[in-house]
Protein backbone atom coordinates (compact mmCIF):
# COMPACT_ATOMS: atom_id res chain seq x y z
CA MET A 1 79.28 54.41 2.18
CA PRO A 2 77.06 56.10 -0.19
CA SER A 3 74.06 57.91 1.35
CA PRO A 4 70.13 57.24 1.11
CA ARG A 5 69.97 59.27 -1.55
CA GLN A 6 72.68 57.89 -3.86
CA ARG A 7 71.41 53.65 -3.11
CA PRO A 8 69.17 52.91 -6.22
CA ALA A 9 65.62 52.77 -4.61
CA LEU A 10 65.06 48.85 -4.87
CA PRO A 11 61.70 48.06 -7.50
CA SER A 12 58.16 47.54 -6.21
CA LEU A 13 57.29 44.30 -7.44
CA SER A 14 58.23 41.80 -6.08
CA ALA A 15 60.47 38.87 -7.39
CA GLU A 16 58.00 36.17 -7.50
CA ALA A 17 56.24 38.20 -9.91
CA ALA A 18 59.47 39.33 -11.66
CA LEU A 19 59.91 35.66 -12.37
CA SER A 20 56.28 34.76 -13.24
CA PHE A 21 56.94 37.40 -15.85
CA LEU A 22 60.29 36.15 -17.36
CA LYS A 23 58.36 31.95 -16.93
CA ASP A 24 55.93 33.77 -19.18
CA THR A 25 58.03 34.78 -21.87
CA LYS A 26 59.57 31.30 -22.61
CA GLY A 27 58.97 30.66 -26.70
CA THR A 28 59.13 34.83 -27.57
CA LEU A 29 61.89 35.51 -29.49
CA ALA A 30 61.89 39.17 -28.15
CA TRP A 31 59.88 41.26 -25.86
CA SER A 32 59.83 45.47 -24.75
CA ALA A 33 59.69 46.92 -21.05
CA ARG A 34 56.61 47.72 -22.14
CA ASP A 35 55.69 44.56 -22.36
CA LEU A 36 56.93 43.17 -18.71
CA ALA A 37 55.48 46.61 -17.38
CA ASP A 38 51.69 45.66 -19.17
CA THR A 39 52.14 42.32 -17.88
CA LEU A 40 52.88 43.15 -13.75
CA LYS A 41 50.78 45.99 -14.02
CA ILE A 42 53.26 48.90 -12.96
CA SER A 43 54.94 51.87 -14.80
CA ARG A 44 57.61 51.90 -17.24
CA ALA A 45 60.07 53.27 -14.79
CA GLU A 46 59.30 50.15 -12.50
CA ALA A 47 60.00 48.32 -15.23
CA ARG A 48 62.90 50.11 -16.38
CA GLN A 49 64.45 49.82 -12.86
CA ALA A 50 63.31 45.82 -12.42
CA LEU A 51 65.82 44.97 -16.34
CA ALA A 52 68.33 46.70 -14.50
CA PHE A 53 67.53 43.99 -11.59
CA LEU A 54 66.66 41.21 -13.50
CA GLN A 55 70.28 41.72 -15.86
CA ALA A 56 72.17 42.04 -12.97
CA GLN A 57 71.41 39.20 -12.30
CA GLY A 58 72.06 37.65 -15.84
CA TYR A 59 68.50 36.48 -16.16
CA VAL A 60 67.67 39.11 -19.01
CA GLN A 61 70.02 40.87 -21.79
CA LEU A 62 69.22 42.79 -24.54
CA ALA A 63 68.29 41.46 -28.06
CA HIS A 64 70.85 40.76 -30.78
CA GLN A 65 70.45 41.08 -35.16
CA LYS A 66 73.58 39.10 -36.98
CA GLY A 67 74.99 42.67 -38.10
CA VAL A 68 73.04 44.46 -35.58
CA PRO A 69 75.15 45.09 -31.95
CA ARG A 70 71.68 45.77 -30.36
CA VAL A 71 68.01 45.61 -31.17
CA ALA A 72 67.03 49.13 -29.71
CA GLY A 73 63.96 48.04 -26.57
CA ARG A 74 64.26 44.87 -27.30
CA TRP A 75 65.08 41.84 -24.42
CA ILE A 76 65.52 38.24 -24.25
CA THR A 77 65.61 36.38 -21.49
CA THR A 78 68.51 34.17 -20.64
CA PRO A 79 68.56 30.28 -20.10
CA ALA A 80 69.18 31.31 -16.14
CA GLY A 81 66.60 33.37 -16.00
CA GLU A 82 64.40 30.16 -18.11
CA THR A 83 65.51 28.01 -15.10
CA VAL A 84 65.03 30.26 -12.42
CA SER A 85 61.50 31.20 -13.50
CA GLY A 86 60.75 27.66 -13.51
CA ALA A 87 59.65 27.90 -17.55
CA LYS A 88 58.95 24.59 -19.63
CA PRO A 89 58.87 24.70 -23.17
CA PRO A 90 55.05 25.22 -24.13
CA ARG A 91 54.37 22.46 -25.44
CA PHE A 92 49.56 22.38 -25.14
CA ALA A 93 47.70 24.33 -27.15
CA ARG A 94 46.14 26.64 -25.37
CA GLU A 95 42.45 25.72 -25.80
CA SER A 96 43.62 22.53 -23.77
CA VAL A 97 44.05 24.67 -21.15
CA GLU A 98 41.20 26.68 -21.01
CA GLN A 99 38.94 23.88 -20.81
CA ALA A 100 41.43 22.27 -17.47
CA LEU A 101 41.10 25.94 -16.40
CA THR A 102 37.29 25.53 -16.27
CA ALA A 103 36.79 22.44 -14.86
CA LEU A 104 38.97 23.34 -12.05
CA LYS A 105 36.56 26.53 -11.70
CA ASP A 106 33.97 23.42 -11.48
CA ARG A 107 35.51 22.08 -8.65
CA ILE A 108 36.41 24.65 -6.87
CA LYS A 109 32.58 25.78 -6.55
CA LYS A 110 31.83 21.84 -5.86
CA SER A 111 34.60 21.95 -2.81
CA ASP A 112 32.86 25.52 -1.76
CA LYS A 113 29.21 24.17 -1.80
CA ASN A 114 30.59 21.37 0.48
CA PRO A 115 30.29 21.91 3.63
CA ARG A 116 32.32 18.37 4.49
CA ALA A 117 35.46 19.93 2.86
CA PRO A 118 38.25 20.79 4.98
CA PHE A 119 38.87 24.63 3.47
CA ARG A 120 36.46 27.48 1.86
CA ILE A 121 38.65 29.19 -1.21
CA THR A 122 38.64 32.63 -1.06
CA ASP A 123 40.80 33.55 -3.60
CA ALA A 124 41.40 31.39 -6.50
CA VAL A 125 43.61 32.68 -9.92
CA ALA A 126 45.03 31.59 -12.68
CA LEU A 127 48.33 32.41 -14.52
CA GLY A 128 50.84 32.33 -17.45
CA ASP A 129 51.84 32.73 -21.16
CA PHE A 130 47.78 31.20 -21.79
CA LEU A 131 46.76 34.32 -21.17
CA PHE A 132 47.87 35.92 -24.89
CA PRO A 133 45.91 35.13 -26.99
CA ASP A 134 48.99 34.83 -29.95
CA ARG A 135 50.36 31.90 -28.37
CA ALA A 136 49.45 28.91 -30.18
CA ARG A 137 51.25 26.55 -27.88
CA VAL A 138 51.91 27.34 -23.90
CA GLN A 139 53.17 25.81 -20.71
CA SER A 140 50.78 24.86 -17.60
CA ALA A 141 48.86 27.49 -16.06
CA ASP A 142 49.74 28.91 -13.53
CA VAL A 143 46.66 28.90 -10.32
CA GLY A 144 47.00 30.23 -6.84
CA ILE A 145 44.28 29.26 -4.26
CA ARG A 146 43.77 30.52 -0.53
CA LEU A 147 42.78 27.92 1.72
CA VAL A 148 40.99 28.95 4.56
CA ARG A 149 39.64 26.25 6.95
CA ARG A 150 36.10 25.95 7.89
CA GLY A 151 35.36 27.58 11.07
CA ALA A 152 38.58 29.89 10.55
CA SER A 153 39.38 33.41 10.25
CA SER A 154 42.56 33.14 9.20
CA SER A 155 44.12 31.67 6.07
CA GLU A 156 47.23 30.65 8.10
CA PRO A 157 47.74 27.00 8.28
CA ARG A 158 47.63 26.31 12.21
CA SER A 159 49.99 22.82 12.54
CA ALA A 160 51.73 20.72 10.12
CA SER A 161 49.31 18.42 10.12
CA ASP A 162 46.93 21.76 8.67
CA ALA A 163 48.85 21.93 6.14
CA GLN A 164 49.60 18.48 5.10
CA VAL A 165 45.63 17.81 4.31
CA GLY A 166 46.31 21.18 2.38
CA ARG A 167 48.25 20.02 -0.21
CA LYS A 168 46.29 16.99 -0.33
CA PHE A 169 43.49 19.23 -0.91
CA LEU A 170 45.36 21.64 -3.75
CA ARG A 171 46.50 17.86 -5.18
CA ASP A 172 43.18 16.81 -5.41
CA LEU A 173 42.11 20.38 -6.79
CA ARG A 174 44.59 19.26 -10.12
CA ALA A 175 42.78 16.58 -10.44
CA ARG A 176 46.28 15.00 -12.22
CA SER A 177 45.98 17.67 -14.71
CA ALA A 178 50.02 18.56 -16.18
CA LEU A 179 47.88 21.65 -18.06
CA LEU A 180 47.86 22.98 -14.05
CA THR A 181 50.06 24.13 -11.60
CA ILE A 182 48.75 24.64 -7.94
CA HIS A 183 50.33 27.17 -5.67
CA HIS A 184 49.53 28.70 -2.56
CA TYR A 185 48.39 32.17 -3.18
CA ALA A 186 50.20 35.36 -2.43
CA ASP A 187 48.85 39.10 -3.05
CA TRP A 188 51.11 40.30 -5.97
CA MET A 189 49.07 36.99 -8.19
CA ARG A 190 46.13 39.57 -8.45
CA GLN A 191 48.24 42.44 -9.01
CA ARG A 192 49.95 41.18 -12.15
CA CYS A 193 47.59 40.01 -15.95
CA HIS A 194 45.38 37.30 -14.54
CA ARG A 195 42.36 34.96 -14.75
CA ASP A 196 39.94 35.55 -11.60
CA LEU A 197 38.74 31.69 -11.14
CA LEU A 198 36.29 32.87 -8.28
């Protein structure tokens, strides 16, 4: 059995963060370790380590061109990587996603001013390929929202009925928009490239 010194260290970023990057690569031909590092705000060494794990899982592979065995430093996301990350074909105009996020931001402000709303929103961030100005077509924006029950100090749901009310609250915030995918907030969301909605 290898000693602790011989075992490779696990990457410091979460699997969810790495998969969010893979989702963002849908529609691009190839990308680099630097793109991964810049998007997830990690070091190049951490990016190389994450790439090794993603490659071992079959989620990424080195890019190839006709007649050239490998394109130095360029990677592609495999179909398995697209599936596991939840990537969809980029079909929305970036401007439409931006408008949907502006409308969501307004709904968040109105909700937080409403004393009868069951929750306060303490964190709201948007992630996705819409953040890259070179993309004409994008996927729906992923939005992480942290809810805190009014009068409570913790964001943890206290019961199954609280969780059900929370899901309905998030659905109402989404307002049936196909341009937004709303998730419960996780700390890794703020640690990567994102847009703050509060």
